Protein backbone atom coordinates (compact mmCIF):
# COMPACT_ATOMS: atom_id res chain seq x y z
CA MET A 1 -0.14 -0.39 -0.03
CA TYR A 2 1.41 3.57 -0.86
CA LYS A 3 1.75 5.19 2.80
CA GLU A 4 0.33 8.45 1.77
CA ASP A 5 -3.19 7.02 1.06
CA VAL A 6 -3.72 4.07 3.76
CA VAL A 7 -1.89 3.02 6.97
CA LEU A 8 -1.77 0.08 8.93
CA ILE A 9 -2.30 0.96 12.57
CA ASP A 10 0.21 -0.33 15.24
CA ALA A 11 -1.18 -2.93 17.91
CA GLU A 12 -0.80 -0.17 20.66
CA GLN A 13 -3.04 2.08 18.90
CA PRO A 14 -6.98 1.65 19.65
CA PHE A 15 -7.80 -0.90 17.09
CA ASN A 16 -6.06 -2.96 14.21
CA GLY A 17 -6.82 -2.97 10.80
CA GLN A 18 -6.54 -0.90 7.65
CA THR A 19 -7.46 2.68 7.59
CA TYR A 20 -8.25 5.17 5.05
CA ARG A 21 -6.83 9.10 4.86
CA ILE A 22 -9.47 11.70 4.13
CA GLY A 23 -8.92 11.42 0.39
CA ALA A 24 -9.90 7.94 -0.42
CA VAL A 25 -12.38 8.61 2.17
CA ALA A 26 -14.34 11.14 -0.06
CA ARG A 27 -13.70 8.72 -3.31
CA LEU A 28 -15.44 6.08 -1.53
CA THR A 29 -18.10 7.68 -0.28
CA GLY A 30 -19.08 10.68 -2.63
CA ILE A 31 -18.43 12.98 0.33
CA PRO A 32 -16.07 16.24 -0.22
CA PRO A 33 -13.30 16.40 2.37
CA ASP A 34 -14.70 20.13 3.48
CA THR A 35 -18.34 18.29 4.24
CA LEU A 36 -17.00 15.69 5.74
CA ARG A 37 -14.83 17.97 8.17
CA VAL A 38 -17.94 20.04 8.86
CA TRP A 39 -20.13 16.70 9.62
CA GLU A 40 -17.72 15.99 12.07
CA ARG A 41 -17.23 18.99 13.91
CA ARG A 42 -21.00 19.59 14.17
CA TYR A 43 -22.68 16.20 14.34
CA ALA A 44 -19.60 13.93 15.26
CA VAL A 45 -20.82 11.42 12.57
CA VAL A 46 -17.55 9.39 13.04
CA GLU A 47 -14.52 9.90 15.38
CA PRO A 48 -11.27 8.98 13.03
CA ILE A 49 -8.44 8.25 14.94
CA ARG A 50 -4.99 10.96 14.58
CA SER A 51 -1.60 9.79 13.59
CA GLU A 52 1.26 11.40 15.38
CA ALA A 53 1.50 13.68 12.75
CA GLY A 54 -2.51 14.71 13.41
CA THR A 55 -3.83 13.37 10.20
CA ARG A 56 -7.34 11.76 10.14
CA LEU A 57 -7.43 7.98 9.95
CA TYR A 58 -10.73 6.25 9.05
CA SER A 59 -11.40 2.65 9.73
CA ALA A 60 -13.65 0.39 6.90
CA GLN A 61 -16.14 0.66 9.39
CA ASP A 62 -16.48 4.80 9.13
CA VAL A 63 -16.57 4.33 5.60
CA GLY A 64 -19.29 2.31 5.69
CA ARG A 65 -21.08 4.24 8.26
CA LEU A 66 -20.45 7.53 5.87
CA THR A 67 -21.89 5.71 3.13
CA LEU A 68 -25.04 4.85 4.68
CA ILE A 69 -25.21 8.58 5.44
CA LYS A 70 -24.48 9.82 2.25
CA ARG A 71 -27.31 7.52 0.62
CA LEU A 72 -30.07 8.86 3.12
CA VAL A 73 -28.79 12.51 2.56
CA ASP A 74 -29.38 12.16 -1.11
CA ASN A 75 -32.65 10.72 -0.57
CA GLY A 76 -33.90 13.72 1.72
CA ASP A 77 -33.04 13.10 5.19
CA ALA A 78 -31.61 16.12 7.52
CA ILE A 79 -27.95 15.33 8.37
CA SER A 80 -28.93 16.49 12.04
CA HIS A 81 -31.78 14.26 12.07
CA ILE A 82 -29.37 11.12 11.24
CA ALA A 83 -26.27 11.66 12.43
CA ALA A 84 -26.60 10.29 15.73
CA LEU A 85 -28.42 7.06 14.56
CA ASN A 86 -26.11 4.08 14.93
CA LEU A 87 -24.97 1.59 12.37
CA ALA A 88 -28.31 -0.89 12.71
CA GLN A 89 -30.65 1.86 12.71
CA LEU A 90 -28.77 3.59 9.66
CA GLN A 91 -28.92 0.24 8.14
CA GLU A 92 -32.52 -0.31 8.46
CA ARG A 93 -33.44 3.30 7.40
CA SER A 94 -31.28 2.49 4.13
CA ARG A 95 -33.23 -0.74 3.13
CA GLY A 96 -34.69 -0.04 -0.31
CA LEU A 97 -32.87 2.66 -1.28
CA ASP A 98 -31.11 1.06 -3.98
CA LEU A 99 -34.39 -0.27 -5.57
CA ILE A 100 -35.53 3.04 -6.30
CA PRO A 101 -35.73 3.21 -10.30
CA ALA A 102 -34.96 6.30 -12.29
CA ALA A 103 -37.73 8.62 -13.11
CA ASP A 104 -39.76 7.91 -16.09
CA ALA A 105 -42.46 10.08 -17.17
CA ASP A 106 -44.33 7.38 -19.18
CA ARG A 107 -44.51 5.17 -16.24
CA PRO A 108 -48.06 5.39 -14.30
CA PRO A 109 -48.13 6.32 -10.28
CA CYS A 110 -47.85 3.23 -8.14
CA ARG A 111 -51.20 2.71 -6.93
CA VAL A 112 -51.20 1.82 -2.94
CA ALA A 113 -53.50 0.61 -0.03
CA VAL A 114 -53.20 0.60 3.42
CA LEU A 115 -54.84 -1.82 5.58
CA GLY A 116 -53.83 -1.23 9.64
CA PRO A 117 -54.71 0.66 12.77
CA THR A 118 -52.44 3.83 12.89
CA LEU A 119 -50.74 4.35 8.87
CA PRO A 120 -54.34 4.90 7.53
CA THR A 121 -55.15 7.65 9.99
CA LEU A 122 -51.37 9.18 9.49
CA LEU A 123 -51.98 9.22 5.71
CA THR A 124 -55.55 10.55 5.40
CA ARG A 125 -56.06 13.38 8.09
CA ASP A 126 -54.78 16.12 5.91
CA GLU A 127 -54.08 16.56 2.13
CA ALA A 128 -50.14 17.53 2.92
CA TYR A 129 -49.31 14.33 4.19
CA VAL A 130 -50.85 12.56 0.86
CA ALA A 131 -48.80 15.15 -0.81
CA THR A 132 -45.69 14.02 0.57
CA LEU A 133 -45.92 10.19 -0.90
CA GLY A 134 -44.76 12.00 -4.35
CA GLU A 135 -46.01 12.33 -7.65
CA GLY A 136 -44.84 8.98 -8.41
CA VAL A 137 -47.27 7.38 -5.54
CA GLU A 138 -51.08 7.50 -5.46
CA LEU A 139 -53.27 6.65 -2.57
CA ALA A 140 -55.64 4.24 -3.51
CA GLY A 141 -57.37 3.44 -0.50
CA ALA A 142 -56.47 3.45 3.32
CA PHE A 143 -58.58 1.15 5.68
CA GLU A 144 -58.94 0.69 9.29
CA ASP A 145 -61.61 -1.86 8.80
CA GLU A 146 -61.02 -5.02 7.74
CA HIS A 147 -64.44 -5.57 6.30
CA ARG A 148 -64.33 -2.18 4.72
CA PHE A 149 -61.16 -3.41 2.82
CA HIS A 150 -62.63 -6.20 1.63
CA ALA A 151 -65.83 -4.78 -0.10
CA ALA A 152 -63.56 -2.40 -1.62
CA ILE A 153 -60.54 -3.75 -2.54
CA ALA A 154 -61.51 -5.55 -6.07
CA ASP A 155 -62.20 -1.67 -7.29
CA LEU A 156 -59.23 -0.32 -6.55
CA ARG A 157 -56.60 -1.73 -9.20
CA VAL A 158 -53.77 -1.80 -6.37
CA ASP A 159 -50.19 -2.24 -7.51
CA LEU A 160 -48.96 -2.44 -3.87
CA LEU A 161 -50.29 -3.58 -0.53
CA VAL A 162 -48.93 -2.09 2.46
CA LEU A 163 -50.11 -4.43 5.57
CA GLU A 164 -49.77 -3.08 9.12
CA ARG A 165 -49.41 -5.34 12.10
CA PRO A 166 -48.41 -4.87 15.77
CA THR A 167 -47.32 -8.26 15.72
CA LEU A 168 -46.37 -11.00 13.36
CA GLN A 169 -46.88 -14.66 14.32
CA LEU A 170 -46.21 -17.79 11.91
CA ASP A 171 -50.25 -18.71 12.69
CA ARG A 172 -51.25 -15.76 11.26
CA ILE A 173 -49.10 -15.84 7.70
CA ALA A 174 -51.90 -17.56 6.16
CA GLN A 175 -54.24 -14.86 6.76
CA ILE A 176 -51.89 -12.20 5.65
CA THR A 177 -51.16 -13.84 2.15
CA ASP A 178 -54.94 -14.31 1.68
CA LEU A 179 -55.25 -10.41 2.13
CA PHE A 180 -52.59 -9.94 -0.68
CA THR A 181 -54.43 -11.96 -2.52
CA ALA A 182 -57.87 -10.64 -2.72
CA SER A 183 -56.08 -6.81 -3.07
CA GLY A 184 -54.84 -7.96 -6.33
CA ALA A 185 -51.39 -6.28 -5.67
CA THR A 186 -48.08 -7.40 -7.40
CA ARG A 187 -45.90 -6.33 -4.36
CA GLY A 188 -46.24 -6.34 -0.68
CA LEU A 189 -44.76 -4.28 2.39
CA VAL A 190 -45.54 -5.37 5.83
CA VAL A 191 -45.14 -3.05 8.43
CA TYR A 192 -44.83 -4.34 12.16
CA GLY A 193 -43.94 -3.65 15.73
CA PHE A 194 -42.96 -7.30 16.92
CA ALA A 195 -42.37 -10.43 14.98
CA ALA A 196 -41.30 -14.22 15.30
CA ARG A 197 -38.01 -14.01 13.09
CA ALA A 198 -39.99 -17.50 11.47
CA ALA A 199 -42.56 -15.17 10.44
CA VAL A 200 -40.38 -12.88 8.75
CA GLU A 201 -38.65 -15.12 6.76
CA ARG A 202 -41.97 -16.96 5.82
CA LEU A 203 -43.14 -13.73 4.39
CA GLU A 204 -39.68 -12.72 2.73
CA SER A 205 -39.71 -16.10 1.07
CA GLN A 206 -42.82 -15.04 -0.78
CA ARG A 207 -41.81 -12.00 -1.97
CA ILE A 208 -43.70 -9.95 0.95
CA VAL A 209 -41.10 -7.40 2.11
CA THR A 210 -41.02 -6.42 5.94
CA LYS A 211 -40.18 -3.33 7.68
CA ARG A 212 -40.26 -2.91 11.20
CA ALA A 213 -42.16 -0.05 12.60
CA PRO A 214 -42.19 3.17 12.90
CA VAL A 215 -42.43 4.04 9.46
CA ASP A 216 -42.65 7.87 8.81
CA VAL A 217 -44.61 9.30 5.83
CA ALA A 218 -41.59 9.89 3.63
CA GLU A 219 -39.79 7.03 4.23
CA LEU A 220 -43.09 4.83 3.49
CA ALA A 221 -42.74 6.93 -0.12
CA ARG A 222 -39.33 5.59 -0.88
CA TRP A 223 -40.28 2.53 -0.40
CA CYS A 224 -43.37 2.78 -2.64
CA ALA A 225 -41.36 4.06 -5.10
CA ALA A 226 -38.63 1.10 -4.54
CA LEU A 227 -40.87 -1.64 -4.59
CA HIS A 228 -43.03 -0.28 -7.61
CA GLY A 229 -39.71 -0.22 -9.57
CA SER A 230 -37.81 -3.60 -8.17
CA GLU A 231 -38.95 -5.83 -10.96
CA LYS A 232 -36.51 -4.00 -12.98
CA THR A 233 -33.09 -5.49 -13.53
CA PRO A 234 -30.86 -3.81 -11.14
CA THR A 235 -27.80 -1.75 -13.07
CA PRO A 236 -24.26 -2.97 -12.61
CA GLU A 237 -23.66 0.57 -10.66
CA ALA A 238 -27.01 -0.31 -8.40
CA ILE A 239 -25.12 -3.95 -7.87
CA LEU A 240 -21.80 -2.22 -6.74
CA ASP A 241 -23.36 0.65 -4.76
CA GLY A 242 -24.68 -2.38 -2.78
CA VAL A 243 -21.46 -3.52 -1.40
CA ASP A 244 -21.07 -2.11 1.82
CA LEU A 245 -17.34 -1.42 3.18
CA GLY A 246 -18.80 -0.74 6.74
CA SER A 247 -19.77 -4.76 7.48
CA PRO A 248 -17.33 -7.16 8.19
CA ILE A 249 -15.33 -9.08 5.86
CA PRO A 250 -17.48 -12.61 5.51
CA ARG A 251 -15.46 -15.34 7.03
CA ARG A 252 -14.67 -18.48 5.06
CA LEU A 253 -16.91 -21.18 5.49
CA TYR A 254 -14.57 -23.74 4.22
CA ASP A 255 -10.37 -23.61 4.35
CA SER A 256 -8.35 -24.95 1.73
CA ALA A 257 -7.86 -28.48 3.45
CA THR A 258 -11.81 -29.02 3.47
CA LEU A 259 -12.41 -27.45 -0.20
CA ALA A 260 -10.35 -30.45 -1.38
CA ARG A 261 -12.04 -32.79 0.44
CA ILE A 262 -15.41 -31.84 -1.40
CA ALA A 263 -13.78 -31.58 -4.72
CA THR A 264 -12.72 -35.21 -4.38
CA GLY A 265 -15.48 -36.86 -2.08
CA SER A 266 -18.22 -39.30 -3.62
CA PRO A 267 -21.59 -37.47 -4.37
CA THR A 268 -24.69 -39.70 -4.23
CA VAL A 269 -25.54 -38.78 -7.89
CA ARG A 270 -23.38 -37.85 -11.15
CA CYS A 271 -22.56 -34.46 -11.05
CA GLU A 272 -19.77 -32.39 -11.59
CA CYS A 273 -21.07 -29.44 -9.46
CA PRO A 274 -19.16 -29.62 -6.18
CA HIS A 275 -16.06 -29.72 -7.95
CA HIS A 276 -16.69 -26.86 -10.30
CA LEU A 277 -17.95 -24.75 -7.14
CA VAL A 278 -14.79 -26.14 -5.58
CA GLN A 279 -12.87 -24.42 -8.25
CA LEU A 280 -14.95 -20.78 -8.09
CA VAL A 281 -14.51 -20.85 -4.40
CA SER A 282 -11.23 -21.39 -4.64
CA SER A 283 -10.62 -18.51 -7.68
CA LEU A 284 -12.36 -15.85 -5.63
CA VAL A 285 -10.31 -16.82 -2.06
CA ALA A 286 -7.21 -15.88 -4.48
CA PHE A 287 -8.29 -13.05 -5.95
CA GLU A 288 -9.87 -11.57 -2.58
CA GLN A 289 -6.03 -12.01 -1.01
CA TYR A 290 -4.62 -10.41 -4.04
CA SER A 291 -7.22 -7.12 -4.32
CA ARG A 292 -6.42 -6.83 -0.27
CA GLU A 293 -2.33 -6.88 -1.20
CA CYS A 294 -2.48 -4.98 -4.66
CA GLU A 295 -0.02 -2.29 -4.71
CA ASN A 296 -2.03 1.45 -4.31
CA ARG A 297 0.00 4.16 -6.22
CA ASN A 298 -2.55 6.97 -5.14
CA THR A 299 -6.01 7.67 -3.78
CA ASP A 300 -8.01 6.42 -6.65
CA ASP A 301 -6.50 2.96 -6.63
CA ALA A 302 -6.75 2.87 -2.78
CA ALA A 303 -10.52 3.33 -3.06
CA LEU A 304 -11.01 1.14 -6.18
CA HIS A 305 -9.34 -2.17 -4.57
CA ALA A 306 -11.25 -1.47 -1.24
CA PHE A 307 -14.29 -2.11 -3.57
CA LEU A 308 -12.73 -5.16 -5.26
CA HIS A 309 -11.76 -6.87 -2.40
CA ALA A 310 -15.49 -6.02 -0.56
CA ALA A 311 -17.19 -7.01 -3.68
CA THR A 312 -15.35 -10.40 -4.06
CA ALA A 313 -15.52 -10.99 -0.59
CA ARG A 314 -19.16 -10.88 -0.79
CA ALA A 315 -19.57 -12.90 -4.16
CA ARG A 316 -17.15 -15.51 -2.37
CA ALA A 317 -19.57 -15.79 0.38
CA THR A 318 -22.47 -16.18 -1.93
CA MET A 319 -20.82 -18.92 -3.61
CA GLU A 320 -19.40 -20.65 -0.27
CA ALA A 321 -23.56 -20.38 0.66
CA ALA A 322 -24.45 -22.31 -2.48
CA LEU A 323 -21.54 -25.21 -2.35
CA ALA A 324 -22.80 -25.69 1.29
CA ARG A 325 -26.35 -26.62 0.10
CA VAL A 326 -24.81 -28.68 -2.84
CA VAL A 327 -22.93 -30.72 -0.02
CA GLU A 328 -25.76 -30.98 1.98
CA ALA A 329 -27.91 -32.31 -1.14
CA GLU A 330 -25.41 -34.79 -2.32
CA GLY A 331 -24.69 -36.35 0.99
CA ILE A 332 -20.59 -35.35 0.26
CA ASP A 333 -19.08 -36.10 4.04
CA ILE A 334 -16.40 -33.34 5.08
């Protein structure tokens, strides 16, 4: 690594790992250095450590946090309102932002129906709240009573149904899916207060998105726009933007010796998939290490190789999960 772009912290300093100078952070996050300094001074968005010479040094976690904050600010959140949120809260609030499609003048608005105890009142109590949903979203109906919902829904031609539930339990999933079927909506969003993990997983396996309450009107509008356009194939830029440098690099599921055993194992059926997957994972492991060690000549190089390392690690983890599924299905003993 070129020492003016990336610095490795000594073991005696607050934490160990790779750090980035402010120029590289600006490239990675899209936040100008002057803006970053103001955000640090006024809102304490991150607390970089200082080198002996007084240079700011940012961790990968700092970069990830700043990336999320930049996305939210670009989508209308005030920096003063989100600066104090922790990483988990920032990640939750930014869910769905990368799905929002480019504006399309010929695309009809997303027709939304809402059923639940509080959101309908919030959305219909005055015209200003309805207007907050934006031009691309049209409120087709808001219902607190399920009987009124069933009586009116067939005539509303709904694209998206937003269902509000204080709790989610497995024994209520069938009732929820029946409501989505009755609405005729192509997409669904469930806003919940408390839920069993199994219930959330069951809904998401049926392509029904879940979001923990509270949800304000601006956030609901973003979700409506995102889900309305989420059938589009994501662009390469959108996929790249989804690489979170602040998340820990996924740990390897299989070491090299285990990969070798899988490749030479005897599957229950005649299939070369285990062998091919081992080759793919091994190649990704090698490039992951290469991209981390690759020499950086300047700030642009540091930013590029940070992305390459994180993106390759994500791809490797995905293929390891696929390999694990094949190992289980084929009955390979490792």
